[in-house]
Amino acid sequence: MAGKIENKYGSIYIESEVVAKIAGRAAVECYGLVGLASKSVKNGIVELLKLENMSKGVTVELTEESLAIELYVIIQYGTKISEVAHNIMDRVKYSVEKQTGLDVTKIDIKVQGIRVGK
């Protein structure tokens, strides 16, 4: 489903894939985040997604009155997970609302793994 914004000139439809890409790019700019992960874990191994596949680590649920975003992330070892998650939430909410004009009602962070070293 697409997000819809109406104004005096007509309607604007924003696909959920676009919102996912905006959210993914905003998230990877946060300190303590290694990157986005795939939604599925196979044999206890989490796949770190590259920049071009980043939207696969983001789920967007658009309805007429709400926009919910779910991010699957890998956090850097030694950082405080709650602080990193709050920073991601703030940055994603700000970026999505500023670039799309849609109101973000919910952001969930699912920590898929921790990376030690580089």
C-alpha atoms as a PDB file:
ATOM      1  CA  MET A   1       0.000   0.000   0.000  1.00  0.00           C
ATOM      2  CA  ALA A   2       1.166   3.530  -0.674  1.00  0.00           C
ATOM      3  CA  GLY A   3       1.088   6.526   1.638  1.00  0.00           C
ATOM      4  CA  LYS A   4      -1.181   9.273   0.401  1.00  0.00           C
ATOM      5  CA  ILE A   5      -0.883  13.020   0.845  1.00  0.00           C
ATOM      6  CA  GLU A   6      -3.550  15.326  -0.525  1.00  0.00           C
ATOM      7  CA  ASN A   7      -3.265  19.036  -1.176  1.00  0.00           C
ATOM      8  CA  LYS A   8      -5.064  21.626  -3.286  1.00  0.00           C
ATOM      9  CA  TYR A   9      -3.279  20.454  -6.453  1.00  0.00           C
ATOM     10  CA  GLY A  10      -4.070  16.753  -6.149  1.00  0.00           C
ATOM     11  CA  SER A  11      -2.732  13.615  -4.491  1.00  0.00           C
ATOM     12  CA  ILE A  12       0.769  12.299  -3.856  1.00  0.00           C
ATOM     13  CA  TYR A  13       1.297   8.551  -3.428  1.00  0.00           C
ATOM     14  CA  ILE A  14       4.483   7.301  -1.761  1.00  0.00           C
ATOM     15  CA  GLU A  15       5.237   3.584  -2.005  1.00  0.00           C
ATOM     16  CA  SER A  16       6.371   1.691   1.082  1.00  0.00           C
ATOM     17  CA  GLU A  17       9.639   0.747  -0.708  1.00  0.00           C
ATOM     18  CA  VAL A  18      10.558   4.443  -0.869  1.00  0.00           C
ATOM     19  CA  VAL A  19       9.893   4.862   2.850  1.00  0.00           C
ATOM     20  CA  ALA A  20      12.005   1.747   3.538  1.00  0.00           C
ATOM     21  CA  LYS A  21      14.955   3.168   1.609  1.00  0.00           C
ATOM     22  CA  ILE A  22      14.743   6.511   3.413  1.00  0.00           C
ATOM     23  CA  ALA A  23      14.539   4.770   6.788  1.00  0.00           C
ATOM     24  CA  GLY A  24      17.457   2.460   5.977  1.00  0.00           C
ATOM     25  CA  ARG A  25      19.728   5.272   4.839  1.00  0.00           C
ATOM     26  CA  ALA A  26      18.889   7.339   7.919  1.00  0.00           C
ATOM     27  CA  ALA A  27      19.549   4.394  10.242  1.00  0.00           C
ATOM     28  CA  VAL A  28      23.023   3.542   8.913  1.00  0.00           C
ATOM     29  CA  GLU A  29      24.208   7.069   9.737  1.00  0.00           C
ATOM     30  CA  CYS A  30      23.775   6.379  13.464  1.00  0.00           C
ATOM     31  CA  TYR A  31      26.767   5.738  15.708  1.00  0.00           C
ATOM     32  CA  GLY A  32      26.967   2.175  17.031  1.00  0.00           C
ATOM     33  CA  LEU A  33      25.060   0.617  14.167  1.00  0.00           C
ATOM     34  CA  VAL A  34      27.065  -1.830  12.053  1.00  0.00           C
ATOM     35  CA  GLY A  35      24.296  -2.131   9.476  1.00  0.00           C
ATOM     36  CA  LEU A  36      20.918  -3.554   8.659  1.00  0.00           C
ATOM     37  CA  ALA A  37      20.304  -7.286   8.760  1.00  0.00           C
ATOM     38  CA  SER A  38      18.033  -9.580   6.818  1.00  0.00           C
ATOM     39  CA  LYS A  39      14.726 -10.365   8.494  1.00  0.00           C
ATOM     40  CA  SER A  40      15.395 -14.089   8.616  1.00  0.00           C
ATOM     41  CA  VAL A  41      18.068 -15.843  10.662  1.00  0.00           C
ATOM     42  CA  LYS A  42      19.390 -19.084   9.172  1.00  0.00           C
ATOM     43  CA  ASN A  43      21.190 -21.512  11.490  1.00  0.00           C
ATOM     44  CA  GLY A  44      21.914 -18.698  13.934  1.00  0.00           C
ATOM     45  CA  ILE A  45      23.711 -16.665  11.267  1.00  0.00           C
ATOM     46  CA  VAL A  46      22.531 -13.160  10.413  1.00  0.00           C
ATOM     47  CA  GLU A  47      23.241 -11.649   6.996  1.00  0.00           C
ATOM     48  CA  LEU A  48      24.587  -8.089   6.954  1.00  0.00           C
ATOM     49  CA  LEU A  49      22.938  -6.250   4.057  1.00  0.00           C
ATOM     50  CA  LYS A  50      24.837  -4.067   1.614  1.00  0.00           C
ATOM     51  CA  LEU A  51      23.741  -0.532   0.797  1.00  0.00           C
ATOM     52  CA  GLU A  52      21.785  -1.486  -2.334  1.00  0.00           C
ATOM     53  CA  ASN A  53      19.768  -4.204  -0.504  1.00  0.00           C
ATOM     54  CA  MET A  54      19.177  -2.170   2.620  1.00  0.00           C
ATOM     55  CA  SER A  55      15.397  -2.008   2.242  1.00  0.00           C
ATOM     56  CA  LYS A  56      15.260  -5.776   2.834  1.00  0.00           C
ATOM     57  CA  GLY A  57      16.110  -5.040   6.475  1.00  0.00           C
ATOM     58  CA  VAL A  58      13.159  -2.667   6.861  1.00  0.00           C
ATOM     59  CA  THR A  59       9.462  -3.468   7.053  1.00  0.00           C
ATOM     60  CA  VAL A  60       7.004  -0.640   6.406  1.00  0.00           C
ATOM     61  CA  GLU A  61       3.318  -0.867   7.223  1.00  0.00           C
ATOM     62  CA  LEU A  62       1.242   1.961   5.776  1.00  0.00           C
ATOM     63  CA  THR A  63      -2.402   2.541   6.526  1.00  0.00           C
ATOM     64  CA  GLU A  64      -4.510   5.639   6.009  1.00  0.00           C
ATOM     65  CA  GLU A  65      -3.914   6.855   9.556  1.00  0.00           C
ATOM     66  CA  SER A  66      -0.533   5.378  10.505  1.00  0.00           C
ATOM     67  CA  LEU A  67       2.967   4.548   9.344  1.00  0.00           C
ATOM     68  CA  ALA A  68       4.814   1.816  11.251  1.00  0.00           C
ATOM     69  CA  ILE A  69       8.466   0.983  10.555  1.00  0.00           C
ATOM     70  CA  GLU A  70      10.388  -2.072  11.732  1.00  0.00           C
ATOM     71  CA  LEU A  71      14.184  -2.155  11.393  1.00  0.00           C
ATOM     72  CA  TYR A  72      16.353  -5.272  11.716  1.00  0.00           C
ATOM     73  CA  VAL A  73      19.800  -4.171  12.867  1.00  0.00           C
ATOM     74  CA  ILE A  74      23.255  -5.345  13.889  1.00  0.00           C
ATOM     75  CA  ILE A  75      24.805  -3.312  16.708  1.00  0.00           C
ATOM     76  CA  GLN A  76      28.507  -2.759  17.402  1.00  0.00           C
ATOM     77  CA  TYR A  77      29.846  -4.576  20.467  1.00  0.00           C
ATOM     78  CA  GLY A  78      30.592  -2.273  23.403  1.00  0.00           C
ATOM     79  CA  THR A  79      27.863   0.258  22.698  1.00  0.00           C
ATOM     80  CA  LYS A  80      24.756   0.633  24.820  1.00  0.00           C
ATOM     81  CA  ILE A  81      22.007  -1.073  22.820  1.00  0.00           C
ATOM     82  CA  SER A  82      19.192   1.071  24.227  1.00  0.00           C
ATOM     83  CA  GLU A  83      21.003   4.317  23.359  1.00  0.00           C
ATOM     84  CA  VAL A  84      21.789   3.174  19.821  1.00  0.00           C
ATOM     85  CA  ALA A  85      18.167   2.062  19.351  1.00  0.00           C
ATOM     86  CA  HIS A  86      16.803   5.413  20.596  1.00  0.00           C
ATOM     87  CA  ASN A  87      19.162   7.302  18.281  1.00  0.00           C
ATOM     88  CA  ILE A  88      18.032   5.179  15.332  1.00  0.00           C
ATOM     89  CA  MET A  89      14.373   5.791  16.188  1.00  0.00           C
ATOM     90  CA  ASP A  90      14.857   9.562  16.440  1.00  0.00           C
ATOM     91  CA  ARG A  91      16.864   9.834  13.237  1.00  0.00           C
ATOM     92  CA  VAL A  92      14.534   7.584  11.193  1.00  0.00           C
ATOM     93  CA  LYS A  93      11.407   9.366  12.425  1.00  0.00           C
ATOM     94  CA  TYR A  94      12.882  12.777  11.610  1.00  0.00           C
ATOM     95  CA  SER A  95      14.150  11.747   8.153  1.00  0.00           C
ATOM     96  CA  VAL A  96      10.988   9.963   7.042  1.00  0.00           C
ATOM     97  CA  GLU A  97       8.673  12.729   8.233  1.00  0.00           C
ATOM     98  CA  LYS A  98      10.824  15.489   6.739  1.00  0.00           C
ATOM     99  CA  GLN A  99      11.284  13.821   3.342  1.00  0.00           C
ATOM    100  CA  THR A 100       7.805  12.348   2.857  1.00  0.00           C
ATOM    101  CA  GLY A 101       5.425  14.471   4.920  1.00  0.00           C
ATOM    102  CA  LEU A 102       3.903  11.301   6.415  1.00  0.00           C
ATOM    103  CA  ASP A 103       3.467  10.980  10.192  1.00  0.00           C
ATOM    104  CA  VAL A 104       5.428   8.080  11.692  1.00  0.00           C
ATOM    105  CA  THR A 105       3.397   6.539  14.508  1.00  0.00           C
ATOM    106  CA  LYS A 106       5.600   3.588  15.466  1.00  0.00           C
ATOM    107  CA  ILE A 107       9.211   2.452  15.035  1.00  0.00           C
ATOM    108  CA  ASP A 108      10.384  -0.959  16.233  1.00  0.00           C
ATOM    109  CA  ILE A 109      14.046  -1.940  16.395  1.00  0.00           C
ATOM    110  CA  LYS A 110      14.830  -5.668  16.233  1.00  0.00           C
ATOM    111  CA  VAL A 111      18.441  -6.378  17.170  1.00  0.00           C
ATOM    112  CA  GLN A 112      19.484  -9.403  15.088  1.00  0.00           C
ATOM    113  CA  GLY A 113      23.073  -9.522  16.258  1.00  0.00           C
ATOM    114  CA  ILE A 114      26.181  -7.907  17.722  1.00  0.00           C
ATOM    115  CA  ARG A 115      29.427  -7.499  15.794  1.00  0.00           C
ATOM    116  CA  VAL A 116      32.712  -7.704  17.634  1.00  0.00           C
ATOM    117  CA  GLY A 117      35.557  -5.782  15.992  1.00  0.00           C
ATOM    118  CA  LYS A 118      35.851  -5.155  12.267  1.00  0.00           C
END
